[in-house]
Amino acid sequence: MVKLNRIYTRTGDDGTTGLTTGPRRPKYDLRVAAYGTIDETNACIGIARLHAALEDPAVDAMLGAISNDLFDLGADLSTPDTGEPPAYEPLRIVQAQVERIEADIDRLNEELPPLRSFVLPGGTPAATHLHLARTVSRRAERLMTELAQTQGEIVGEPALQYVNRLSDFLFVASRYLNAKAKGDVLWVPGQNR
């Protein structure tokens, strides 16, 4: 259980932050950037949920589960796998979370018409915010992939799969909400030449 008695500690005044396992890293460290961007994605999803709750409670419930998963993912990333047996069982993204988000993507996508053009960010308020969350999650995925390719850094395969599926979910959910309204905002190549 998390217990926060004090919000500021002054320990980060030197430009470092502590990982869950104790070591301190610069605040610009790739691992810190990765879990910070997951947190940013979660904040974007929180804004989308304000609107999704009104537009479609089922999508809002899916986003609520994802929001919780993103805290799990942040915990996963902030607890580096050193290859040594840990003193406790760290929280990690597991395959069941990947499978759940895939099932949600399939459930929403089965009701959508095939795409015939690229989709522009827009449409309903929730869909528009989901597009923003999608782009932030793609940045998180790029950071996590770079981290996984860095010597001495390990990122679990389920975590990488989850963040990849996340952007897919956010895209499909935005299309789903737009389909219930007026449809997607489509790109028209060269329209304004």
C-alpha atoms as a PDB file:
ATOM      1  CA  MET A   1       0.000   0.000   0.000  1.00  0.00           C
ATOM      2  CA  VAL A   2       1.195   3.481  -0.836  1.00  0.00           C
ATOM      3  CA  LYS A   3       1.453   5.939   2.027  1.00  0.00           C
ATOM      4  CA  LEU A   4       2.403   9.552   1.344  1.00  0.00           C
ATOM      5  CA  ASN A   5       2.700  11.708   4.422  1.00  0.00           C
ATOM      6  CA  ARG A   6       4.731  14.408   2.788  1.00  0.00           C
ATOM      7  CA  ILE A   7       4.577  15.559  -0.822  1.00  0.00           C
ATOM      8  CA  TYR A   8       7.892  17.371  -1.043  1.00  0.00           C
ATOM      9  CA  THR A   9      11.108  15.784   0.176  1.00  0.00           C
ATOM     10  CA  ARG A  10      13.736  18.142  -1.276  1.00  0.00           C
ATOM     11  CA  THR A  11      15.711  15.082  -2.399  1.00  0.00           C
ATOM     12  CA  GLY A  12      15.098  15.973  -6.054  1.00  0.00           C
ATOM     13  CA  ASP A  13      16.508  19.472  -5.721  1.00  0.00           C
ATOM     14  CA  ASP A  14      19.797  18.181  -7.102  1.00  0.00           C
ATOM     15  CA  GLY A  15      18.141  17.124 -10.379  1.00  0.00           C
ATOM     16  CA  THR A  16      17.826  13.450  -9.517  1.00  0.00           C
ATOM     17  CA  THR A  17      14.934  11.184  -8.673  1.00  0.00           C
ATOM     18  CA  GLY A  18      14.805   7.898  -6.807  1.00  0.00           C
ATOM     19  CA  LEU A  19      13.740   4.688  -8.503  1.00  0.00           C
ATOM     20  CA  THR A  20      11.538   2.269  -6.583  1.00  0.00           C
ATOM     21  CA  THR A  21      14.555   0.100  -5.844  1.00  0.00           C
ATOM     22  CA  GLY A  22      16.454   3.026  -4.318  1.00  0.00           C
ATOM     23  CA  PRO A  23      19.114   4.206  -6.778  1.00  0.00           C
ATOM     24  CA  ARG A  24      18.911   7.804  -7.904  1.00  0.00           C
ATOM     25  CA  ARG A  25      19.010   8.816 -11.540  1.00  0.00           C
ATOM     26  CA  PRO A  26      19.053  12.169 -13.309  1.00  0.00           C
ATOM     27  CA  LYS A  27      15.560  13.462 -14.021  1.00  0.00           C
ATOM     28  CA  TYR A  28      16.416  13.434 -17.733  1.00  0.00           C
ATOM     29  CA  ASP A  29      17.341   9.709 -17.590  1.00  0.00           C
ATOM     30  CA  LEU A  30      15.689   7.623 -20.314  1.00  0.00           C
ATOM     31  CA  ARG A  31      13.927   5.363 -17.790  1.00  0.00           C
ATOM     32  CA  VAL A  32      12.547   8.386 -15.925  1.00  0.00           C
ATOM     33  CA  ALA A  33      11.443   9.943 -19.228  1.00  0.00           C
ATOM     34  CA  ALA A  34       9.666   6.710 -20.177  1.00  0.00           C
ATOM     35  CA  TYR A  35       7.616   6.377 -17.005  1.00  0.00           C
ATOM     36  CA  GLY A  36       7.035  10.131 -16.916  1.00  0.00           C
ATOM     37  CA  THR A  37       5.546   9.938 -20.401  1.00  0.00           C
ATOM     38  CA  ILE A  38       3.339   7.044 -19.302  1.00  0.00           C
ATOM     39  CA  ASP A  39       2.113   9.346 -16.523  1.00  0.00           C
ATOM     40  CA  GLU A  40       1.481  12.092 -19.097  1.00  0.00           C
ATOM     41  CA  THR A  41      -0.505   9.613 -21.208  1.00  0.00           C
ATOM     42  CA  ASN A  42      -2.586   8.756 -18.165  1.00  0.00           C
ATOM     43  CA  ALA A  43      -3.342  12.438 -17.537  1.00  0.00           C
ATOM     44  CA  CYS A  44      -4.556  12.767 -21.146  1.00  0.00           C
ATOM     45  CA  ILE A  45      -6.774   9.728 -20.638  1.00  0.00           C
ATOM     46  CA  GLY A  46      -8.180  11.345 -17.498  1.00  0.00           C
ATOM     47  CA  ILE A  47      -9.302  14.340 -19.548  1.00  0.00           C
ATOM     48  CA  ALA A  48     -10.789  12.053 -22.204  1.00  0.00           C
ATOM     49  CA  ARG A  49     -12.729  10.221 -19.514  1.00  0.00           C
ATOM     50  CA  LEU A  50     -14.530  13.422 -18.523  1.00  0.00           C
ATOM     51  CA  HIS A  51     -16.196  13.289 -21.926  1.00  0.00           C
ATOM     52  CA  ALA A  52     -16.275   9.524 -22.471  1.00  0.00           C
ATOM     53  CA  ALA A  53     -18.386   9.104 -19.339  1.00  0.00           C
ATOM     54  CA  LEU A  54     -21.084  11.128 -21.098  1.00  0.00           C
ATOM     55  CA  GLU A  55     -20.577   9.680 -24.578  1.00  0.00           C
ATOM     56  CA  ASP A  56     -20.279   5.959 -23.787  1.00  0.00           C
ATOM     57  CA  PRO A  57     -20.028   4.475 -20.276  1.00  0.00           C
ATOM     58  CA  ALA A  58     -18.577   1.194 -21.622  1.00  0.00           C
ATOM     59  CA  VAL A  59     -15.654   3.025 -23.257  1.00  0.00           C
ATOM     60  CA  ASP A  60     -15.197   5.018 -20.052  1.00  0.00           C
ATOM     61  CA  ALA A  61     -14.974   1.743 -18.080  1.00  0.00           C
ATOM     62  CA  MET A  62     -12.329   0.443 -20.500  1.00  0.00           C
ATOM     63  CA  LEU A  63     -10.384   3.679 -20.060  1.00  0.00           C
ATOM     64  CA  GLY A  64     -10.668   3.334 -16.286  1.00  0.00           C
ATOM     65  CA  ALA A  65      -9.035  -0.101 -16.449  1.00  0.00           C
ATOM     66  CA  ILE A  66      -6.318   1.293 -18.724  1.00  0.00           C
ATOM     67  CA  SER A  67      -5.678   4.187 -16.350  1.00  0.00           C
ATOM     68  CA  ASN A  68      -5.041   1.719 -13.537  1.00  0.00           C
ATOM     69  CA  ASP A  69      -2.833  -0.386 -15.833  1.00  0.00           C
ATOM     70  CA  LEU A  70      -0.752   2.686 -16.607  1.00  0.00           C
ATOM     71  CA  PHE A  71       0.081   3.070 -12.918  1.00  0.00           C
ATOM     72  CA  ASP A  72       1.144  -0.592 -13.004  1.00  0.00           C
ATOM     73  CA  LEU A  73       3.293   0.190 -16.044  1.00  0.00           C
ATOM     74  CA  GLY A  74       4.854   3.180 -14.288  1.00  0.00           C
ATOM     75  CA  ALA A  75       5.670   0.954 -11.308  1.00  0.00           C
ATOM     76  CA  ASP A  76       7.121  -1.639 -13.690  1.00  0.00           C
ATOM     77  CA  LEU A  77       9.372   0.923 -15.380  1.00  0.00           C
ATOM     78  CA  SER A  78      10.450   2.567 -12.117  1.00  0.00           C
ATOM     79  CA  THR A  79      11.622  -0.795 -10.773  1.00  0.00           C
ATOM     80  CA  PRO A  80      14.459  -1.834 -13.085  1.00  0.00           C
ATOM     81  CA  ASP A  81      15.007  -5.528 -13.687  1.00  0.00           C
ATOM     82  CA  THR A  82      18.668  -5.995 -12.850  1.00  0.00           C
ATOM     83  CA  GLY A  83      18.699  -9.695 -13.669  1.00  0.00           C
ATOM     84  CA  GLU A  84      19.226 -10.449  -9.982  1.00  0.00           C
ATOM     85  CA  PRO A  85      16.491 -12.058  -7.857  1.00  0.00           C
ATOM     86  CA  PRO A  86      14.641  -9.189  -6.130  1.00  0.00           C
ATOM     87  CA  ALA A  87      14.026  -9.039  -2.394  1.00  0.00           C
ATOM     88  CA  TYR A  88      10.296  -8.700  -3.163  1.00  0.00           C
ATOM     89  CA  GLU A  89       7.994  -9.387  -6.099  1.00  0.00           C
ATOM     90  CA  PRO A  90       7.959  -6.194  -8.204  1.00  0.00           C
ATOM     91  CA  LEU A  91       4.785  -5.123  -9.974  1.00  0.00           C
ATOM     92  CA  ARG A  92       5.057  -5.948 -13.670  1.00  0.00           C
ATOM     93  CA  ILE A  93       2.702  -5.715 -16.624  1.00  0.00           C
ATOM     94  CA  VAL A  94       1.514  -9.254 -17.384  1.00  0.00           C
ATOM     95  CA  GLN A  95       0.235 -10.939 -20.538  1.00  0.00           C
ATOM     96  CA  ALA A  96      -3.365 -10.951 -19.213  1.00  0.00           C
ATOM     97  CA  GLN A  97      -3.368  -7.132 -19.338  1.00  0.00           C
ATOM     98  CA  VAL A  98      -2.183  -7.232 -22.964  1.00  0.00           C
ATOM     99  CA  GLU A  99      -4.888  -9.764 -23.816  1.00  0.00           C
ATOM    100  CA  ARG A 100      -7.604  -7.676 -22.136  1.00  0.00           C
ATOM    101  CA  ILE A 101      -6.722  -4.546 -24.107  1.00  0.00           C
ATOM    102  CA  GLU A 102      -6.599  -6.616 -27.327  1.00  0.00           C
ATOM    103  CA  ALA A 103     -10.090  -7.975 -26.580  1.00  0.00           C
ATOM    104  CA  ASP A 104     -11.346  -4.412 -26.004  1.00  0.00           C
ATOM    105  CA  ILE A 105      -9.812  -3.276 -29.315  1.00  0.00           C
ATOM    106  CA  ASP A 106     -11.497  -6.163 -31.133  1.00  0.00           C
ATOM    107  CA  ARG A 107     -14.842  -5.491 -29.420  1.00  0.00           C
ATOM    108  CA  LEU A 108     -14.880  -1.829 -30.493  1.00  0.00           C
ATOM    109  CA  ASN A 109     -13.367  -2.391 -33.933  1.00  0.00           C
ATOM    110  CA  GLU A 110     -15.885  -5.036 -35.023  1.00  0.00           C
ATOM    111  CA  GLU A 111     -18.575  -2.341 -35.217  1.00  0.00           C
ATOM    112  CA  LEU A 112     -16.511   0.058 -37.346  1.00  0.00           C
ATOM    113  CA  PRO A 113     -16.488   0.414 -41.118  1.00  0.00           C
ATOM    114  CA  PRO A 114     -13.125  -0.174 -42.832  1.00  0.00           C
ATOM    115  CA  LEU A 115     -10.877   2.861 -43.151  1.00  0.00           C
ATOM    116  CA  ARG A 116     -10.612   4.389 -46.609  1.00  0.00           C
ATOM    117  CA  SER A 117      -8.508   7.379 -45.565  1.00  0.00           C
ATOM    118  CA  PHE A 118      -6.288   8.521 -42.740  1.00  0.00           C
ATOM    119  CA  VAL A 119      -8.167   9.990 -39.788  1.00  0.00           C
ATOM    120  CA  LEU A 120      -7.537  13.511 -38.539  1.00  0.00           C
ATOM    121  CA  PRO A 121      -7.692  14.241 -34.805  1.00  0.00           C
ATOM    122  CA  GLY A 122     -11.151  15.559 -34.066  1.00  0.00           C
ATOM    123  CA  GLY A 123     -14.783  14.646 -33.767  1.00  0.00           C
ATOM    124  CA  THR A 124     -16.436  14.306 -30.402  1.00  0.00           C
ATOM    125  CA  PRO A 125     -14.724  15.829 -27.345  1.00  0.00           C
ATOM    126  CA  ALA A 126     -13.757  12.382 -26.011  1.00  0.00           C
ATOM    127  CA  ALA A 127     -12.460  11.225 -29.411  1.00  0.00           C
ATOM    128  CA  THR A 128     -10.369  14.365 -29.779  1.00  0.00           C
ATOM    129  CA  HIS A 129      -8.778  13.877 -26.360  1.00  0.00           C
ATOM    130  CA  LEU A 130      -8.181  10.202 -27.136  1.00  0.00           C
ATOM    131  CA  HIS A 131      -6.217  11.253 -30.228  1.00  0.00           C
ATOM    132  CA  LEU A 132      -4.005  13.407 -28.005  1.00  0.00           C
ATOM    133  CA  ALA A 133      -3.540  10.512 -25.574  1.00  0.00           C
ATOM    134  CA  ARG A 134      -2.673   8.280 -28.545  1.00  0.00           C
ATOM    135  CA  THR A 135       0.141  10.552 -29.689  1.00  0.00           C
ATOM    136  CA  VAL A 136       1.562  10.829 -26.174  1.00  0.00           C
ATOM    137  CA  SER A 137       1.400   7.036 -25.764  1.00  0.00           C
ATOM    138  CA  ARG A 138       3.316   6.659 -29.047  1.00  0.00           C
ATOM    139  CA  ARG A 139       6.047   8.879 -27.606  1.00  0.00           C
ATOM    140  CA  ALA A 140       6.096   6.705 -24.480  1.00  0.00           C
ATOM    141  CA  GLU A 141       6.439   3.645 -26.704  1.00  0.00           C
ATOM    142  CA  ARG A 142       9.394   5.190 -28.545  1.00  0.00           C
ATOM    143  CA  LEU A 143      11.093   5.952 -25.223  1.00  0.00           C
ATOM    144  CA  MET A 144      10.412   2.474 -23.853  1.00  0.00           C
ATOM    145  CA  THR A 145      11.729   0.865 -27.036  1.00  0.00           C
ATOM    146  CA  GLU A 146      14.877   2.975 -26.872  1.00  0.00           C
ATOM    147  CA  LEU A 147      15.273   2.063 -23.204  1.00  0.00           C
ATOM    148  CA  ALA A 148      14.907  -1.642 -24.023  1.00  0.00           C
ATOM    149  CA  GLN A 149      17.695  -1.290 -26.610  1.00  0.00           C
ATOM    150  CA  THR A 150      20.024   0.413 -24.120  1.00  0.00           C
ATOM    151  CA  GLN A 151      22.801  -1.781 -22.753  1.00  0.00           C
ATOM    152  CA  GLY A 152      22.132  -2.739 -19.144  1.00  0.00           C
ATOM    153  CA  GLU A 153      18.435  -1.830 -19.272  1.00  0.00           C
ATOM    154  CA  ILE A 154      15.647  -4.417 -19.367  1.00  0.00           C
ATOM    155  CA  VAL A 155      12.028  -3.720 -20.283  1.00  0.00           C
ATOM    156  CA  GLY A 156       9.629  -6.647 -20.094  1.00  0.00           C
ATOM    157  CA  GLU A 157       8.049  -7.917 -23.295  1.00  0.00           C
ATOM    158  CA  PRO A 158       4.477  -7.601 -21.911  1.00  0.00           C
ATOM    159  CA  ALA A 159       5.171  -3.932 -21.050  1.00  0.00           C
ATOM    160  CA  LEU A 160       6.331  -3.246 -24.609  1.00  0.00           C
ATOM    161  CA  GLN A 161       3.335  -5.108 -26.048  1.00  0.00           C
ATOM    162  CA  TYR A 162       0.936  -3.258 -23.747  1.00  0.00           C
ATOM    163  CA  VAL A 163       2.147   0.203 -24.721  1.00  0.00           C
ATOM    164  CA  ASN A 164       1.953  -0.760 -28.400  1.00  0.00           C
ATOM    165  CA  ARG A 165      -1.641  -1.986 -28.018  1.00  0.00           C
ATOM    166  CA  LEU A 166      -2.513   1.102 -25.988  1.00  0.00           C
ATOM    167  CA  SER A 167      -2.124   3.474 -28.928  1.00  0.00           C
ATOM    168  CA  ASP A 168      -4.148   1.049 -31.065  1.00  0.00           C
ATOM    169  CA  PHE A 169      -6.905   1.019 -28.444  1.00  0.00           C
ATOM    170  CA  LEU A 170      -6.970   4.809 -28.206  1.00  0.00           C
ATOM    171  CA  PHE A 171      -7.245   5.098 -31.997  1.00  0.00           C
ATOM    172  CA  VAL A 172     -10.036   2.524 -32.259  1.00  0.00           C
ATOM    173  CA  ALA A 173     -11.897   4.013 -29.269  1.00  0.00           C
ATOM    174  CA  SER A 174     -11.771   7.477 -30.867  1.00  0.00           C
ATOM    175  CA  ARG A 175     -13.170   6.038 -34.110  1.00  0.00           C
ATOM    176  CA  TYR A 176     -15.840   4.149 -32.170  1.00  0.00           C
ATOM    177  CA  LEU A 177     -17.016   7.285 -30.367  1.00  0.00           C
ATOM    178  CA  ASN A 178     -16.964   9.285 -33.591  1.00  0.00           C
ATOM    179  CA  ALA A 179     -18.947   6.575 -35.405  1.00  0.00           C
ATOM    180  CA  LYS A 180     -21.684   6.928 -32.781  1.00  0.00           C
ATOM    181  CA  ALA A 181     -21.804  10.661 -33.556  1.00  0.00           C
ATOM    182  CA  LYS A 182     -21.068  12.059 -37.028  1.00  0.00           C
ATOM    183  CA  GLY A 183     -18.180   9.844 -38.091  1.00  0.00           C
ATOM    184  CA  ASP A 184     -14.447  10.326 -38.340  1.00  0.00           C
ATOM    185  CA  VAL A 185     -12.773  13.490 -39.558  1.00  0.00           C
ATOM    186  CA  LEU A 186     -10.962  12.244 -42.655  1.00  0.00           C
ATOM    187  CA  TRP A 187      -7.806  13.513 -44.298  1.00  0.00           C
ATOM    188  CA  VAL A 188      -8.325  14.771 -47.836  1.00  0.00           C
ATOM    189  CA  PRO A 189      -4.905  14.788 -49.535  1.00  0.00           C
ATOM    190  CA  GLY A 190      -4.069  18.148 -51.109  1.00  0.00           C
ATOM    191  CA  GLN A 191      -7.464  19.630 -50.206  1.00  0.00           C
ATOM    192  CA  ASN A 192      -6.102  23.103 -49.525  1.00  0.00           C
ATOM    193  CA  ARG A 193      -3.635  23.504 -52.386  1.00  0.00           C
END
